[in-house]
Amino acid sequence: QVQLVESGGGLVQAGGSLRLSCAASGNILRINAMGWYRQAPGKQREWVATITSDGSTNVADSVKGRFAISRDNSKTTVYLQMNSLKPEDTAVYYCTADFRYSISRDWGQGTQVTVSS
């Protein structure tokens, strides 16, 4: 329903920062919420953060105080600001979009974040 393109991943030392971006295109008017998930090697995919259409945000306890989700005024780009990164934050980070009146969820292709110790 929408196309999601992530960017901003890379290699960073522990304690450093990265900002991920997710640009949405297509049927964006139906988006109800956007978010970020991550999947580390050998682990299940886990939820990281969500921002709803009214601007409400929520982040997982594991990243609270270090990560923040935001968006631009056009509501077509969502950001994940990641500070005080730890090696355990190493994962592929995926952007998601949820839709009104639908249980479907679109996913981006993912962007790799690697935090070295």
N, C-alpha and C. Protein backbone atom coordinates (compact mmCIF):
# COMPACT_ATOMS: atom_id res chain seq x y z
N GLN A 1 0.83 -1.21 0.00
CA GLN A 1 0.00 0.00 0.00
C GLN A 1 0.86 1.26 0.00
N VAL A 2 1.98 1.20 0.73
CA VAL A 2 2.95 2.28 0.66
C VAL A 2 4.33 1.68 0.48
N GLN A 3 5.21 2.49 -0.01
CA GLN A 3 6.60 2.10 -0.12
C GLN A 3 7.38 2.81 0.99
N LEU A 4 8.21 2.06 1.67
CA LEU A 4 8.99 2.58 2.79
C LEU A 4 10.46 2.37 2.49
N VAL A 5 11.23 3.44 2.55
CA VAL A 5 12.65 3.36 2.26
C VAL A 5 13.43 3.90 3.46
N GLU A 6 14.19 3.01 4.09
CA GLU A 6 14.99 3.40 5.25
C GLU A 6 16.38 3.85 4.80
N SER A 7 16.97 4.69 5.62
CA SER A 7 18.35 5.10 5.39
C SER A 7 18.94 5.54 6.72
N GLY A 8 20.25 5.67 6.75
CA GLY A 8 20.91 6.19 7.94
C GLY A 8 21.63 5.17 8.79
N GLY A 9 21.51 3.90 8.42
CA GLY A 9 22.22 2.89 9.18
C GLY A 9 23.72 2.95 8.93
N GLY A 10 24.46 2.18 9.72
CA GLY A 10 25.90 2.15 9.54
C GLY A 10 26.61 1.58 10.74
N LEU A 11 27.89 1.81 10.78
CA LEU A 11 28.74 1.32 11.87
C LEU A 11 29.09 2.49 12.78
N VAL A 12 28.91 2.27 14.08
CA VAL A 12 29.19 3.32 15.05
C VAL A 12 29.78 2.68 16.30
N GLN A 13 30.59 3.41 16.99
CA GLN A 13 31.16 2.91 18.24
C GLN A 13 30.14 3.03 19.38
N ALA A 14 30.29 2.20 20.36
CA ALA A 14 29.43 2.26 21.53
C ALA A 14 29.48 3.67 22.13
N GLY A 15 28.30 4.15 22.51
CA GLY A 15 28.19 5.50 23.03
C GLY A 15 27.86 6.54 21.98
N GLY A 16 27.96 6.15 20.73
CA GLY A 16 27.70 7.07 19.64
C GLY A 16 26.22 7.18 19.31
N SER A 17 25.93 7.93 18.25
CA SER A 17 24.56 8.20 17.83
C SER A 17 24.39 7.97 16.34
N LEU A 18 23.18 7.62 15.98
CA LEU A 18 22.77 7.52 14.58
C LEU A 18 21.34 8.00 14.49
N ARG A 19 20.96 8.49 13.33
CA ARG A 19 19.57 8.83 13.06
C ARG A 19 19.12 8.09 11.82
N LEU A 20 18.12 7.27 12.00
CA LEU A 20 17.53 6.55 10.88
C LEU A 20 16.38 7.36 10.32
N SER A 21 16.20 7.27 9.02
CA SER A 21 15.09 7.92 8.34
C SER A 21 14.28 6.88 7.60
N CYS A 22 13.00 7.15 7.47
CA CYS A 22 12.10 6.29 6.70
C CYS A 22 11.18 7.18 5.89
N ALA A 23 11.32 7.11 4.59
CA ALA A 23 10.50 7.92 3.70
C ALA A 23 9.37 7.06 3.15
N ALA A 24 8.14 7.54 3.32
CA ALA A 24 6.96 6.82 2.85
C ALA A 24 6.43 7.47 1.58
N SER A 25 5.99 6.63 0.66
CA SER A 25 5.35 7.13 -0.56
C SER A 25 4.24 6.16 -0.94
N GLY A 26 3.35 6.65 -1.78
CA GLY A 26 2.21 5.84 -2.17
C GLY A 26 0.96 6.32 -1.46
N ASN A 27 0.19 5.39 -0.92
CA ASN A 27 -1.10 5.69 -0.32
C ASN A 27 -0.93 6.18 1.12
N ILE A 28 -0.22 7.28 1.30
CA ILE A 28 0.16 7.73 2.64
C ILE A 28 -1.01 8.27 3.44
N LEU A 29 -2.08 8.67 2.80
CA LEU A 29 -3.22 9.24 3.53
C LEU A 29 -3.91 8.21 4.41
N ARG A 30 -3.70 6.93 4.11
CA ARG A 30 -4.34 5.89 4.90
C ARG A 30 -3.47 5.45 6.07
N ILE A 31 -2.28 5.99 6.19
CA ILE A 31 -1.39 5.57 7.28
C ILE A 31 -1.95 6.05 8.62
N ASN A 32 -2.04 5.13 9.56
CA ASN A 32 -2.51 5.46 10.90
C ASN A 32 -1.36 5.60 11.89
N ALA A 33 -0.31 4.85 11.64
CA ALA A 33 0.85 4.91 12.53
C ALA A 33 2.06 4.39 11.77
N MET A 34 3.22 4.87 12.18
CA MET A 34 4.47 4.35 11.64
C MET A 34 5.39 3.99 12.80
N GLY A 35 6.28 3.08 12.52
CA GLY A 35 7.12 2.64 13.62
C GLY A 35 8.42 2.02 13.15
N TRP A 36 9.14 1.54 14.14
CA TRP A 36 10.41 0.86 13.89
C TRP A 36 10.45 -0.45 14.66
N TYR A 37 10.94 -1.45 13.99
CA TYR A 37 11.25 -2.75 14.60
C TYR A 37 12.72 -3.03 14.33
N ARG A 38 13.25 -3.99 15.06
CA ARG A 38 14.62 -4.41 14.79
C ARG A 38 14.76 -5.92 14.99
N GLN A 39 15.74 -6.48 14.31
CA GLN A 39 16.01 -7.90 14.43
C GLN A 39 17.51 -8.12 14.49
N ALA A 40 17.95 -8.62 15.61
CA ALA A 40 19.35 -8.94 15.79
C ALA A 40 19.62 -10.37 15.31
N PRO A 41 20.85 -10.69 14.96
CA PRO A 41 21.16 -12.05 14.50
C PRO A 41 20.75 -13.11 15.52
N GLY A 42 20.01 -14.09 15.05
CA GLY A 42 19.60 -15.19 15.91
C GLY A 42 18.49 -14.85 16.87
N LYS A 43 17.91 -13.67 16.76
CA LYS A 43 16.84 -13.27 17.67
C LYS A 43 15.57 -12.94 16.90
N GLN A 44 14.46 -12.91 17.64
CA GLN A 44 13.19 -12.54 17.02
C GLN A 44 13.14 -11.04 16.78
N ARG A 45 12.34 -10.69 15.82
CA ARG A 45 12.13 -9.28 15.55
C ARG A 45 11.41 -8.65 16.74
N GLU A 46 11.83 -7.45 17.14
CA GLU A 46 11.20 -6.80 18.29
C GLU A 46 10.81 -5.37 17.94
N TRP A 47 9.75 -4.94 18.56
CA TRP A 47 9.25 -3.58 18.38
C TRP A 47 10.17 -2.60 19.09
N VAL A 48 10.39 -1.44 18.46
CA VAL A 48 11.26 -0.41 19.04
C VAL A 48 10.48 0.85 19.39
N ALA A 49 9.70 1.37 18.42
CA ALA A 49 9.03 2.65 18.66
C ALA A 49 7.90 2.82 17.67
N THR A 50 6.92 3.65 18.06
CA THR A 50 5.77 3.95 17.21
C THR A 50 5.41 5.42 17.34
N ILE A 51 4.95 5.99 16.23
CA ILE A 51 4.37 7.33 16.25
C ILE A 51 3.04 7.25 15.50
N THR A 52 1.98 7.75 16.12
CA THR A 52 0.66 7.67 15.51
C THR A 52 0.37 8.91 14.68
N SER A 53 -0.75 8.87 13.99
CA SER A 53 -1.11 9.98 13.09
C SER A 53 -1.33 11.28 13.87
N ASP A 54 -1.70 11.19 15.14
CA ASP A 54 -1.89 12.41 15.93
C ASP A 54 -0.62 12.84 16.65
N GLY A 55 0.48 12.14 16.39
CA GLY A 55 1.76 12.53 16.94
C GLY A 55 2.14 11.86 18.24
N SER A 56 1.31 11.01 18.76
CA SER A 56 1.65 10.30 19.99
C SER A 56 2.79 9.33 19.73
N THR A 57 3.70 9.24 20.67
CA THR A 57 4.87 8.36 20.51
C THR A 57 4.98 7.38 21.66
N ASN A 58 5.62 6.29 21.38
CA ASN A 58 5.88 5.29 22.40
C ASN A 58 7.15 4.55 21.98
N VAL A 59 7.98 4.23 22.98
CA VAL A 59 9.21 3.50 22.70
C VAL A 59 9.33 2.32 23.66
N ALA A 60 10.03 1.32 23.24
CA ALA A 60 10.22 0.13 24.06
C ALA A 60 11.05 0.47 25.30
N ASP A 61 10.81 -0.25 26.37
CA ASP A 61 11.56 -0.02 27.60
C ASP A 61 13.06 -0.20 27.40
N SER A 62 13.43 -1.10 26.51
CA SER A 62 14.84 -1.40 26.29
C SER A 62 15.61 -0.23 25.70
N VAL A 63 14.91 0.71 25.10
CA VAL A 63 15.57 1.85 24.47
C VAL A 63 15.10 3.18 25.02
N LYS A 64 14.20 3.15 25.98
CA LYS A 64 13.65 4.38 26.53
C LYS A 64 14.76 5.22 27.15
N GLY A 65 14.71 6.51 26.85
CA GLY A 65 15.75 7.41 27.34
C GLY A 65 16.93 7.53 26.41
N ARG A 66 17.03 6.62 25.45
CA ARG A 66 18.14 6.66 24.48
C ARG A 66 17.65 6.88 23.05
N PHE A 67 16.51 6.32 22.71
CA PHE A 67 15.96 6.44 21.36
C PHE A 67 14.72 7.34 21.39
N ALA A 68 14.50 8.03 20.30
CA ALA A 68 13.30 8.85 20.15
C ALA A 68 12.81 8.77 18.72
N ILE A 69 11.49 8.70 18.58
CA ILE A 69 10.88 8.66 17.25
C ILE A 69 10.23 10.01 16.98
N SER A 70 10.33 10.47 15.75
CA SER A 70 9.72 11.73 15.37
C SER A 70 9.39 11.68 13.88
N ARG A 71 8.80 12.75 13.38
CA ARG A 71 8.47 12.79 11.95
C ARG A 71 8.55 14.22 11.46
N ASP A 72 8.55 14.37 10.17
CA ASP A 72 8.58 15.72 9.61
C ASP A 72 7.15 16.25 9.50
N ASN A 73 7.03 17.53 9.15
CA ASN A 73 5.71 18.16 9.14
C ASN A 73 4.79 17.57 8.08
N SER A 74 5.36 17.04 7.03
CA SER A 74 4.53 16.45 5.98
C SER A 74 4.03 15.07 6.36
N LYS A 75 4.55 14.54 7.46
CA LYS A 75 4.18 13.20 7.96
C LYS A 75 4.53 12.09 6.98
N THR A 76 5.47 12.37 6.09
CA THR A 76 5.88 11.34 5.14
C THR A 76 7.23 10.74 5.48
N THR A 77 7.94 11.36 6.40
CA THR A 77 9.24 10.83 6.81
C THR A 77 9.28 10.69 8.33
N VAL A 78 9.68 9.53 8.77
CA VAL A 78 9.79 9.25 10.19
C VAL A 78 11.26 9.02 10.52
N TYR A 79 11.63 9.47 11.71
CA TYR A 79 13.02 9.36 12.13
C TYR A 79 13.12 8.53 13.41
N LEU A 80 14.25 7.91 13.57
CA LEU A 80 14.57 7.25 14.83
C LEU A 80 15.94 7.76 15.25
N GLN A 81 15.94 8.63 16.24
CA GLN A 81 17.20 9.15 16.78
C GLN A 81 17.68 8.19 17.85
N MET A 82 18.88 7.68 17.65
CA MET A 82 19.44 6.68 18.56
C MET A 82 20.70 7.24 19.19
N ASN A 83 20.66 7.42 20.48
CA ASN A 83 21.80 7.94 21.25
C ASN A 83 22.31 6.89 22.22
N SER A 84 23.51 7.10 22.70
CA SER A 84 24.12 6.19 23.68
C SER A 84 24.00 4.75 23.23
N LEU A 85 24.36 4.52 22.00
CA LEU A 85 24.20 3.18 21.41
C LEU A 85 25.08 2.15 22.11
N LYS A 86 24.53 0.95 22.19
CA LYS A 86 25.21 -0.16 22.84
C LYS A 86 25.40 -1.28 21.82
N PRO A 87 26.38 -2.16 22.03
CA PRO A 87 26.56 -3.28 21.09
C PRO A 87 25.28 -4.12 20.94
N GLU A 88 24.48 -4.21 21.98
CA GLU A 88 23.24 -4.99 21.87
C GLU A 88 22.17 -4.30 21.03
N ASP A 89 22.41 -3.08 20.60
CA ASP A 89 21.51 -2.42 19.67
C ASP A 89 21.79 -2.83 18.23
N THR A 90 22.84 -3.59 18.02
CA THR A 90 23.17 -4.07 16.68
C THR A 90 22.04 -4.92 16.13
N ALA A 91 21.55 -4.54 14.97
CA ALA A 91 20.39 -5.24 14.37
C ALA A 91 20.10 -4.62 13.02
N VAL A 92 19.23 -5.29 12.30
CA VAL A 92 18.62 -4.67 11.12
C VAL A 92 17.36 -3.96 11.60
N TYR A 93 17.24 -2.70 11.27
CA TYR A 93 16.11 -1.88 11.71
C TYR A 93 15.14 -1.72 10.54
N TYR A 94 13.87 -1.99 10.82
CA TYR A 94 12.83 -1.95 9.81
C TYR A 94 11.81 -0.87 10.14
N CYS A 95 11.40 -0.15 9.13
CA CYS A 95 10.33 0.82 9.25
C CYS A 95 9.01 0.14 8.90
N THR A 96 7.96 0.52 9.61
CA THR A 96 6.65 -0.07 9.35
C THR A 96 5.58 1.01 9.21
N ALA A 97 4.50 0.65 8.53
CA ALA A 97 3.34 1.51 8.41
C ALA A 97 2.08 0.69 8.64
N ASP A 98 1.23 1.20 9.53
CA ASP A 98 -0.08 0.58 9.81
C ASP A 98 -1.17 1.50 9.24
N PHE A 99 -2.30 0.89 8.91
CA PHE A 99 -3.32 1.60 8.17
C PHE A 99 -4.65 1.61 8.89
N ARG A 100 -5.42 2.66 8.65
CA ARG A 100 -6.77 2.75 9.19
C ARG A 100 -7.63 1.65 8.60
N TYR A 101 -8.46 1.06 9.47
CA TYR A 101 -9.46 0.07 9.04
C TYR A 101 -8.82 -1.14 8.38
N SER A 102 -7.60 -1.46 8.78
CA SER A 102 -6.91 -2.60 8.19
C SER A 102 -5.96 -3.20 9.21
N ILE A 103 -5.77 -4.49 9.13
CA ILE A 103 -4.80 -5.14 10.01
C ILE A 103 -3.47 -5.33 9.30
N SER A 104 -3.39 -4.90 8.07
CA SER A 104 -2.16 -5.12 7.32
C SER A 104 -1.08 -4.14 7.78
N ARG A 105 0.16 -4.52 7.53
CA ARG A 105 1.31 -3.69 7.89
C ARG A 105 2.34 -3.78 6.77
N ASP A 106 2.81 -2.67 6.32
CA ASP A 106 3.87 -2.64 5.32
C ASP A 106 5.21 -2.48 6.01
N TRP A 107 6.22 -3.10 5.39
CA TRP A 107 7.58 -3.08 5.94
C TRP A 107 8.55 -2.51 4.92
N GLY A 108 9.55 -1.82 5.43
CA GLY A 108 10.65 -1.41 4.58
C GLY A 108 11.63 -2.56 4.40
N GLN A 109 12.70 -2.29 3.66
CA GLN A 109 13.66 -3.34 3.36
C GLN A 109 14.68 -3.54 4.48
N GLY A 110 14.74 -2.59 5.39
CA GLY A 110 15.64 -2.68 6.53
C GLY A 110 16.96 -1.97 6.29
N THR A 111 17.54 -1.50 7.38
CA THR A 111 18.85 -0.87 7.33
C THR A 111 19.69 -1.41 8.50
N GLN A 112 20.92 -1.75 8.20
CA GLN A 112 21.78 -2.37 9.20
C GLN A 112 22.40 -1.32 10.12
N VAL A 113 22.31 -1.58 11.40
CA VAL A 113 23.00 -0.77 12.41
C VAL A 113 23.94 -1.70 13.17
N THR A 114 25.21 -1.34 13.18
CA THR A 114 26.21 -2.14 13.89
C THR A 114 26.92 -1.24 14.88
N VAL A 115 26.91 -1.66 16.14
CA VAL A 115 27.55 -0.90 17.20
C VAL A 115 28.74 -1.71 17.71
N SER A 116 29.91 -1.15 17.57
CA SER A 116 31.12 -1.84 18.01
C SER A 116 31.47 -1.45 19.44
N SER A 117 32.05 -2.42 20.14
CA SER A 117 32.40 -2.16 21.56
C SER A 117 33.78 -1.56 21.70
